[in-house]
Amino acid sequence: MKKWALMLVIIFALAWLFWPRVHEATATPEADLQITIFIWPMQGIHSDWHREVSVAYNGERISKDLFGDTGWWRGSNLYRHISGSYLVHEGQGGCFGFALEPLEFNTTFDGSCVKGQVTTSAAKGHSLYYRDLIYLGHFYETWRDEEGGRIRYSEASQTPEVELPDGP
């Protein structure tokens, strides 16, 4: 009977070690709004991630899968469009928007995801690279932060706007 107990301990220990751990980072750009990006490891020994975004507002929640990171992801910038909706720019992964009233994805902003001539002042929080967008912050992968997480969110006041690679 002791062999079985030892075997169970070993099985549970191995499962705990290799069970995919979900890491998350959350932005709270306004009251009752949380944008969270979750990452968890793909099978393999490299730093590739499955990713998902979740938006919670006034008790409602929507989620969507993002393109898996197989080494291309350089972070995601969070913006507010001048219309009041939000946009997440993923660089090579493209961008997507969401509205709060009603809470839904797929809000589009013509030309907002294409780098172009910016005429507004970045000193007022406007993007250095995209028209009609106000830079709010940056989600990025870490090696390991102080809590052991692998993703963080940094507000615009802490991290200048990161120029991401052009999307598709």
C-alpha atoms as a PDB file:
ATOM      1  CA  MET A   1       0.000   0.000   0.000  1.00  0.00           C
ATOM      2  CA  LYS A   2       2.895   2.380   0.640  1.00  0.00           C
ATOM      3  CA  LYS A   3       4.071   1.997  -2.971  1.00  0.00           C
ATOM      4  CA  TRP A   4       0.693   3.219  -4.227  1.00  0.00           C
ATOM      5  CA  ALA A   5       0.756   6.210  -1.896  1.00  0.00           C
ATOM      6  CA  LEU A   6       4.247   7.143  -3.047  1.00  0.00           C
ATOM      7  CA  MET A   7       3.194   6.686  -6.669  1.00  0.00           C
ATOM      8  CA  LEU A   8       0.185   8.972  -6.163  1.00  0.00           C
ATOM      9  CA  VAL A   9       2.384  11.642  -4.585  1.00  0.00           C
ATOM     10  CA  ILE A  10       4.777  11.452  -7.557  1.00  0.00           C
ATOM     11  CA  ILE A  11       1.917  11.619 -10.084  1.00  0.00           C
ATOM     12  CA  PHE A  12       0.379  14.650  -8.363  1.00  0.00           C
ATOM     13  CA  ALA A  13       3.768  16.364  -8.079  1.00  0.00           C
ATOM     14  CA  LEU A  14       4.497  15.831 -11.782  1.00  0.00           C
ATOM     15  CA  ALA A  15       1.006  17.010 -12.766  1.00  0.00           C
ATOM     16  CA  TRP A  16       1.477  20.138 -10.652  1.00  0.00           C
ATOM     17  CA  LEU A  17       4.881  20.845 -12.225  1.00  0.00           C
ATOM     18  CA  PHE A  18       3.712  20.407 -15.800  1.00  0.00           C
ATOM     19  CA  TRP A  19       0.154  21.712 -15.561  1.00  0.00           C
ATOM     20  CA  PRO A  20      -0.100  24.812 -17.760  1.00  0.00           C
ATOM     21  CA  ARG A  21      -0.106  27.887 -15.560  1.00  0.00           C
ATOM     22  CA  VAL A  22      -2.206  30.804 -16.744  1.00  0.00           C
ATOM     23  CA  HIS A  23      -0.653  34.250 -16.394  1.00  0.00           C
ATOM     24  CA  GLU A  24      -2.625  37.466 -16.668  1.00  0.00           C
ATOM     25  CA  ALA A  25      -2.229  41.215 -16.779  1.00  0.00           C
ATOM     26  CA  THR A  26      -5.081  43.686 -16.362  1.00  0.00           C
ATOM     27  CA  ALA A  27      -5.582  47.286 -17.431  1.00  0.00           C
ATOM     28  CA  THR A  28      -8.227  49.434 -15.745  1.00  0.00           C
ATOM     29  CA  PRO A  29      -8.483  52.567 -17.888  1.00  0.00           C
ATOM     30  CA  GLU A  30     -11.760  53.745 -16.335  1.00  0.00           C
ATOM     31  CA  ALA A  31     -14.196  52.825 -13.577  1.00  0.00           C
ATOM     32  CA  ASP A  32     -15.907  49.463 -14.060  1.00  0.00           C
ATOM     33  CA  LEU A  33     -13.713  48.577 -17.085  1.00  0.00           C
ATOM     34  CA  GLN A  34     -11.048  45.868 -17.001  1.00  0.00           C
ATOM     35  CA  ILE A  35      -9.114  44.584 -20.010  1.00  0.00           C
ATOM     36  CA  THR A  36      -7.207  41.391 -19.213  1.00  0.00           C
ATOM     37  CA  ILE A  37      -4.838  39.446 -21.425  1.00  0.00           C
ATOM     38  CA  PHE A  38      -4.265  35.829 -20.405  1.00  0.00           C
ATOM     39  CA  ILE A  39      -1.349  33.723 -21.621  1.00  0.00           C
ATOM     40  CA  TRP A  40      -0.575  30.057 -21.001  1.00  0.00           C
ATOM     41  CA  PRO A  41       2.187  27.899 -22.442  1.00  0.00           C
ATOM     42  CA  MET A  42       1.945  25.927 -25.640  1.00  0.00           C
ATOM     43  CA  GLN A  43       3.444  22.460 -25.462  1.00  0.00           C
ATOM     44  CA  GLY A  44       7.198  22.633 -25.877  1.00  0.00           C
ATOM     45  CA  ILE A  45      10.235  23.958 -24.073  1.00  0.00           C
ATOM     46  CA  HIS A  46      10.260  27.391 -25.673  1.00  0.00           C
ATOM     47  CA  SER A  47       8.377  30.535 -24.727  1.00  0.00           C
ATOM     48  CA  ASP A  48       5.314  30.177 -26.966  1.00  0.00           C
ATOM     49  CA  TRP A  49       1.904  31.149 -25.651  1.00  0.00           C
ATOM     50  CA  HIS A  50      -1.791  30.642 -26.197  1.00  0.00           C
ATOM     51  CA  ARG A  51      -3.427  34.027 -25.625  1.00  0.00           C
ATOM     52  CA  GLU A  52      -6.895  35.362 -24.848  1.00  0.00           C
ATOM     53  CA  VAL A  53      -8.335  38.790 -24.105  1.00  0.00           C
ATOM     54  CA  SER A  54     -11.269  39.424 -21.780  1.00  0.00           C
ATOM     55  CA  VAL A  55     -13.124  42.713 -21.373  1.00  0.00           C
ATOM     56  CA  ALA A  56     -15.332  43.262 -18.327  1.00  0.00           C
ATOM     57  CA  TYR A  57     -17.571  46.315 -18.041  1.00  0.00           C
ATOM     58  CA  ASN A  58     -20.481  46.999 -15.667  1.00  0.00           C
ATOM     59  CA  GLY A  59     -20.952  43.331 -14.766  1.00  0.00           C
ATOM     60  CA  GLU A  60     -20.754  42.042 -18.358  1.00  0.00           C
ATOM     61  CA  ARG A  61     -17.824  40.137 -19.842  1.00  0.00           C
ATOM     62  CA  ILE A  62     -16.736  39.280 -23.383  1.00  0.00           C
ATOM     63  CA  SER A  63     -13.694  37.239 -24.411  1.00  0.00           C
ATOM     64  CA  LYS A  64     -11.897  36.250 -27.568  1.00  0.00           C
ATOM     65  CA  ASP A  65      -8.939  34.107 -28.490  1.00  0.00           C
ATOM     66  CA  LEU A  66      -5.926  35.934 -29.871  1.00  0.00           C
ATOM     67  CA  PHE A  67      -3.383  34.571 -32.323  1.00  0.00           C
ATOM     68  CA  GLY A  68      -0.989  32.212 -30.558  1.00  0.00           C
ATOM     69  CA  ASP A  69       2.438  33.685 -29.898  1.00  0.00           C
ATOM     70  CA  THR A  70       5.063  31.529 -31.564  1.00  0.00           C
ATOM     71  CA  GLY A  71       7.807  34.084 -31.093  1.00  0.00           C
ATOM     72  CA  TRP A  72       6.414  36.995 -33.133  1.00  0.00           C
ATOM     73  CA  TRP A  73       4.521  38.866 -30.377  1.00  0.00           C
ATOM     74  CA  ARG A  74       6.232  42.059 -29.150  1.00  0.00           C
ATOM     75  CA  GLY A  75       3.429  43.139 -26.852  1.00  0.00           C
ATOM     76  CA  SER A  76       0.076  44.813 -27.322  1.00  0.00           C
ATOM     77  CA  ASN A  77      -0.682  48.512 -27.029  1.00  0.00           C
ATOM     78  CA  LEU A  78      -3.972  49.706 -25.568  1.00  0.00           C
ATOM     79  CA  TYR A  79      -5.570  52.846 -27.011  1.00  0.00           C
ATOM     80  CA  ARG A  80      -8.761  54.865 -26.649  1.00  0.00           C
ATOM     81  CA  HIS A  81     -10.161  56.070 -29.954  1.00  0.00           C
ATOM     82  CA  ILE A  82     -11.366  59.677 -30.047  1.00  0.00           C
ATOM     83  CA  SER A  83     -14.902  58.246 -30.419  1.00  0.00           C
ATOM     84  CA  GLY A  84     -14.596  56.766 -26.892  1.00  0.00           C
ATOM     85  CA  SER A  85     -14.239  53.113 -27.950  1.00  0.00           C
ATOM     86  CA  TYR A  86     -11.063  51.138 -27.300  1.00  0.00           C
ATOM     87  CA  LEU A  87      -8.511  49.475 -29.537  1.00  0.00           C
ATOM     88  CA  VAL A  88      -5.832  46.843 -28.870  1.00  0.00           C
ATOM     89  CA  HIS A  89      -2.957  46.909 -31.351  1.00  0.00           C
ATOM     90  CA  GLU A  90      -0.929  43.697 -31.622  1.00  0.00           C
ATOM     91  CA  GLY A  91       1.614  44.789 -34.218  1.00  0.00           C
ATOM     92  CA  GLN A  92       2.022  41.902 -36.668  1.00  0.00           C
ATOM     93  CA  GLY A  93      -1.138  40.340 -35.229  1.00  0.00           C
ATOM     94  CA  GLY A  94      -3.237  43.291 -36.381  1.00  0.00           C
ATOM     95  CA  CYS A  95      -5.635  45.205 -34.194  1.00  0.00           C
ATOM     96  CA  PHE A  96      -9.180  44.955 -32.928  1.00  0.00           C
ATOM     97  CA  GLY A  97     -11.557  47.304 -31.222  1.00  0.00           C
ATOM     98  CA  PHE A  98     -14.376  47.051 -28.746  1.00  0.00           C
ATOM     99  CA  ALA A  99     -17.217  49.284 -27.660  1.00  0.00           C
ATOM    100  CA  LEU A 100     -18.644  49.548 -24.161  1.00  0.00           C
ATOM    101  CA  GLU A 101     -22.273  50.393 -24.911  1.00  0.00           C
ATOM    102  CA  PRO A 102     -23.147  47.696 -25.920  1.00  0.00           C
ATOM    103  CA  LEU A 103     -20.119  45.660 -24.882  1.00  0.00           C
ATOM    104  CA  GLU A 104     -18.881  44.046 -28.107  1.00  0.00           C
ATOM    105  CA  PHE A 105     -15.773  43.373 -30.182  1.00  0.00           C
ATOM    106  CA  ASN A 106     -15.198  44.235 -33.848  1.00  0.00           C
ATOM    107  CA  THR A 107     -15.591  47.977 -33.615  1.00  0.00           C
ATOM    108  CA  THR A 108     -13.618  49.317 -36.573  1.00  0.00           C
ATOM    109  CA  PHE A 109     -11.935  52.652 -36.986  1.00  0.00           C
ATOM    110  CA  ASP A 110     -11.004  53.393 -40.597  1.00  0.00           C
ATOM    111  CA  GLY A 111      -7.246  53.828 -40.892  1.00  0.00           C
ATOM    112  CA  SER A 112      -6.558  53.746 -37.154  1.00  0.00           C
ATOM    113  CA  CYS A 113      -4.428  50.594 -37.387  1.00  0.00           C
ATOM    114  CA  VAL A 114      -2.234  51.947 -40.167  1.00  0.00           C
ATOM    115  CA  LYS A 115       0.778  54.076 -39.286  1.00  0.00           C
ATOM    116  CA  GLY A 116       0.493  57.465 -40.858  1.00  0.00           C
ATOM    117  CA  GLN A 117       1.021  61.149 -40.577  1.00  0.00           C
ATOM    118  CA  VAL A 118       0.017  62.132 -37.064  1.00  0.00           C
ATOM    119  CA  THR A 119      -1.132  65.693 -36.675  1.00  0.00           C
ATOM    120  CA  THR A 120      -2.050  65.756 -32.982  1.00  0.00           C
ATOM    121  CA  SER A 121       0.375  66.359 -30.153  1.00  0.00           C
ATOM    122  CA  ALA A 122       1.759  63.309 -28.356  1.00  0.00           C
ATOM    123  CA  ALA A 123       2.126  65.568 -25.298  1.00  0.00           C
ATOM    124  CA  LYS A 124      -1.680  65.392 -24.940  1.00  0.00           C
ATOM    125  CA  GLY A 125      -1.511  61.599 -24.838  1.00  0.00           C
ATOM    126  CA  HIS A 126      -2.196  61.092 -28.526  1.00  0.00           C
ATOM    127  CA  SER A 127      -0.365  58.280 -30.262  1.00  0.00           C
ATOM    128  CA  LEU A 128       2.970  58.996 -31.905  1.00  0.00           C
ATOM    129  CA  TYR A 129       2.127  56.560 -34.720  1.00  0.00           C
ATOM    130  CA  TYR A 130      -1.642  56.343 -35.235  1.00  0.00           C
ATOM    131  CA  ARG A 131      -4.230  58.982 -35.982  1.00  0.00           C
ATOM    132  CA  ASP A 132      -7.198  59.459 -33.672  1.00  0.00           C
ATOM    133  CA  LEU A 133      -5.799  57.166 -30.947  1.00  0.00           C
ATOM    134  CA  ILE A 134      -4.806  58.040 -27.392  1.00  0.00           C
ATOM    135  CA  TYR A 135      -2.116  55.748 -25.995  1.00  0.00           C
ATOM    136  CA  LEU A 136      -3.095  54.210 -22.629  1.00  0.00           C
ATOM    137  CA  GLY A 137      -0.475  51.517 -22.008  1.00  0.00           C
ATOM    138  CA  HIS A 138       1.358  48.370 -23.068  1.00  0.00           C
ATOM    139  CA  PHE A 139       0.909  44.631 -22.346  1.00  0.00           C
ATOM    140  CA  TYR A 140       4.180  42.711 -22.596  1.00  0.00           C
ATOM    141  CA  GLU A 141       5.809  39.375 -21.819  1.00  0.00           C
ATOM    142  CA  THR A 142       8.310  39.262 -18.959  1.00  0.00           C
ATOM    143  CA  TRP A 143      10.905  36.672 -18.138  1.00  0.00           C
ATOM    144  CA  ARG A 144       9.507  36.485 -14.611  1.00  0.00           C
ATOM    145  CA  ASP A 145       8.233  39.349 -12.511  1.00  0.00           C
ATOM    146  CA  GLU A 146       8.400  39.559  -8.735  1.00  0.00           C
ATOM    147  CA  GLU A 147       5.165  37.554  -8.385  1.00  0.00           C
ATOM    148  CA  GLY A 148       6.299  34.892 -10.882  1.00  0.00           C
ATOM    149  CA  GLY A 149       4.016  36.100 -13.663  1.00  0.00           C
ATOM    150  CA  ARG A 150       4.990  36.171 -17.328  1.00  0.00           C
ATOM    151  CA  ILE A 151       2.886  39.102 -18.545  1.00  0.00           C
ATOM    152  CA  ARG A 152       2.519  42.669 -17.285  1.00  0.00           C
ATOM    153  CA  TYR A 153       0.607  45.811 -18.151  1.00  0.00           C
ATOM    154  CA  SER A 154       2.334  49.163 -17.909  1.00  0.00           C
ATOM    155  CA  GLU A 155       0.368  52.424 -18.074  1.00  0.00           C
ATOM    156  CA  ALA A 156       1.318  55.218 -20.444  1.00  0.00           C
ATOM    157  CA  SER A 157       2.695  57.239 -17.515  1.00  0.00           C
ATOM    158  CA  GLN A 158       5.190  54.420 -16.817  1.00  0.00           C
ATOM    159  CA  THR A 159       6.111  53.268 -20.340  1.00  0.00           C
ATOM    160  CA  PRO A 160       6.335  55.412 -23.458  1.00  0.00           C
ATOM    161  CA  GLU A 161       4.398  54.195 -26.484  1.00  0.00           C
ATOM    162  CA  VAL A 162       6.126  51.183 -28.015  1.00  0.00           C
ATOM    163  CA  GLU A 163       6.298  51.176 -31.828  1.00  0.00           C
ATOM    164  CA  LEU A 164       5.057  47.742 -32.830  1.00  0.00           C
ATOM    165  CA  PRO A 165       5.832  46.018 -36.150  1.00  0.00           C
ATOM    166  CA  ASP A 166       3.323  46.668 -38.929  1.00  0.00           C
ATOM    167  CA  GLY A 167       0.329  44.346 -39.059  1.00  0.00           C
ATOM    168  CA  PRO A 168      -1.064  42.326 -41.933  1.00  0.00           C
END
